[in-house]
Amino acid sequence: IRENAEARVWDRLKQLKAARKPSKVSPASSNARQKLKPKIRAHAKVGLLGCMAERLKEKLLDTDQLVDFVVGPDAYRDLPRVISAVRPGRAAMNVQLSLEETYADIAPLRTDGNGLSAF
């Protein structure tokens, strides 16, 4: 199961990276392309949070440069600071494991009737 999930994450990150690049497409075909895939602003920040992010931090940030920030599962409370630390050409990361984090005060929040709450 994890292998398939990771492959989907890699594919989505590659799509996001491609969508952030300026396009060199003619105006006529650009209109059709915009209808198919919304353009992500070049200054948008893309990050990954969780155990995959923690395990593959160097590959994500340095080798493939697919994300602007990486946050491990225990550092979710630090997410606002990490996002604000991202600068052009400078990624941010917090993958510190915590001995105190128990996730006791976290309850799943469903904002839509379809049961989906994320990506």
Protein backbone atom coordinates (compact mmCIF):
# COMPACT_ATOMS: atom_id res chain seq x y z
CA ILE A 1 0.00 0.00 0.00
CA ARG A 2 2.75 2.47 0.94
CA GLU A 3 4.55 2.00 -2.39
CA ASN A 4 1.46 2.98 -4.38
CA ALA A 5 0.76 5.95 -2.09
CA GLU A 6 4.33 7.20 -2.43
CA ALA A 7 4.18 6.88 -6.21
CA ARG A 8 1.02 9.01 -6.22
CA VAL A 9 2.70 11.64 -4.03
CA TRP A 10 5.77 11.75 -6.32
CA ASP A 11 3.53 12.13 -9.38
CA ARG A 12 1.53 14.93 -7.78
CA LEU A 13 4.67 16.80 -6.69
CA LYS A 14 6.04 16.58 -10.24
CA GLN A 15 2.74 17.94 -11.58
CA LEU A 16 2.86 20.84 -9.13
CA LYS A 17 6.45 21.64 -10.06
CA ALA A 18 5.56 21.64 -13.77
CA ALA A 19 2.50 23.84 -13.13
CA ARG A 20 4.66 26.44 -11.35
CA LYS A 21 7.02 26.85 -14.31
CA PRO A 22 6.33 29.63 -16.82
CA SER A 23 4.83 28.09 -19.91
CA LYS A 24 6.32 28.51 -23.38
CA VAL A 25 3.10 27.58 -25.16
CA SER A 26 1.46 29.64 -27.88
CA PRO A 27 -1.51 31.77 -26.75
CA ALA A 28 -4.02 29.67 -28.72
CA SER A 29 -3.02 26.40 -27.09
CA SER A 30 -2.49 28.13 -23.75
CA ASN A 31 -6.23 28.78 -23.42
CA ALA A 32 -7.05 25.11 -23.91
CA ARG A 33 -4.33 24.11 -21.46
CA GLN A 34 -5.62 26.50 -18.76
CA LYS A 35 -9.05 24.87 -18.97
CA LEU A 36 -7.52 21.46 -18.36
CA LYS A 37 -5.10 22.33 -15.58
CA PRO A 38 -5.21 25.46 -13.43
CA LYS A 39 -1.94 27.38 -13.31
CA ILE A 40 -0.26 27.60 -9.95
CA ARG A 41 1.32 30.91 -9.14
CA ALA A 42 5.11 30.88 -9.37
CA HIS A 43 5.40 32.19 -5.82
CA ALA A 44 3.16 29.48 -4.35
CA LYS A 45 4.83 27.32 -1.73
CA VAL A 46 4.66 23.54 -2.01
CA GLY A 47 5.50 21.33 0.93
CA LEU A 48 5.17 17.81 2.23
CA LEU A 49 4.26 16.82 5.76
CA GLY A 50 4.49 13.38 7.32
CA CYS A 51 6.64 10.29 7.53
CA MET A 52 7.46 10.24 3.81
CA ALA A 53 8.69 13.82 4.08
CA GLU A 54 10.83 12.95 7.08
CA ARG A 55 12.36 9.90 5.43
CA LEU A 56 13.07 11.49 2.02
CA LYS A 57 13.89 15.05 3.06
CA GLU A 58 17.23 15.31 1.19
CA LYS A 59 15.81 13.90 -2.03
CA LEU A 60 12.75 16.15 -1.87
CA LEU A 61 14.64 19.35 -1.07
CA ASP A 62 18.05 18.98 -2.70
CA THR A 63 18.13 16.28 -5.36
CA ASP A 64 14.72 16.66 -7.01
CA GLN A 65 13.83 20.11 -5.61
CA LEU A 66 10.13 19.28 -5.73
CA VAL A 67 9.12 21.04 -2.53
CA ASP A 68 9.86 24.28 -0.70
CA PHE A 69 9.47 22.83 2.77
CA VAL A 70 9.41 19.50 4.56
CA VAL A 71 7.78 18.86 7.93
CA GLY A 72 7.92 15.59 9.82
CA PRO A 73 4.83 14.13 11.49
CA ASP A 74 5.73 15.40 14.97
CA ALA A 75 6.49 18.95 13.81
CA TYR A 76 3.03 19.83 12.48
CA ARG A 77 2.62 22.49 15.17
CA ASP A 78 5.67 24.27 13.73
CA LEU A 79 4.14 24.46 10.24
CA PRO A 80 3.37 28.22 10.28
CA ARG A 81 6.97 29.05 11.21
CA VAL A 82 8.37 26.67 8.59
CA ILE A 83 6.19 28.13 5.84
CA SER A 84 7.16 31.69 6.77
CA ALA A 85 10.86 30.71 6.66
CA VAL A 86 10.68 29.67 2.98
CA ARG A 87 12.43 32.16 0.68
CA PRO A 88 13.28 31.97 -3.02
CA GLY A 89 16.20 29.59 -3.31
CA ARG A 90 15.99 28.64 0.38
CA ALA A 91 13.90 25.70 1.56
CA ALA A 92 12.78 25.12 5.14
CA MET A 93 12.59 21.93 7.14
CA ASN A 94 11.64 20.57 10.55
CA VAL A 95 11.74 16.81 10.92
CA GLN A 96 12.49 16.65 14.62
CA LEU A 97 10.94 13.66 16.35
CA SER A 98 9.21 14.48 19.62
CA LEU A 99 9.08 12.33 22.73
CA GLU A 100 6.20 14.42 24.11
CA GLU A 101 3.84 14.50 21.10
CA THR A 102 0.88 12.21 21.65
CA TYR A 103 -1.66 13.74 19.21
CA ALA A 104 -4.19 13.52 22.07
CA ASP A 105 -5.76 16.89 21.29
CA ILE A 106 -6.15 16.20 17.55
CA ALA A 107 -9.55 15.18 16.25
CA PRO A 108 -10.23 14.53 12.56
CA LEU A 109 -12.20 17.34 10.97
CA ARG A 110 -14.45 16.61 8.03
CA THR A 111 -15.35 19.83 6.24
CA ASP A 112 -17.28 18.22 3.43
CA GLY A 113 -19.93 15.54 3.27
CA ASN A 114 -17.84 13.37 0.95
CA GLY A 115 -15.41 12.30 3.70
CA LEU A 116 -12.37 13.86 2.04
CA SER A 117 -10.35 16.37 4.01
CA ALA A 118 -7.11 16.65 2.04
CA PHE A 119 -5.38 16.05 -1.34
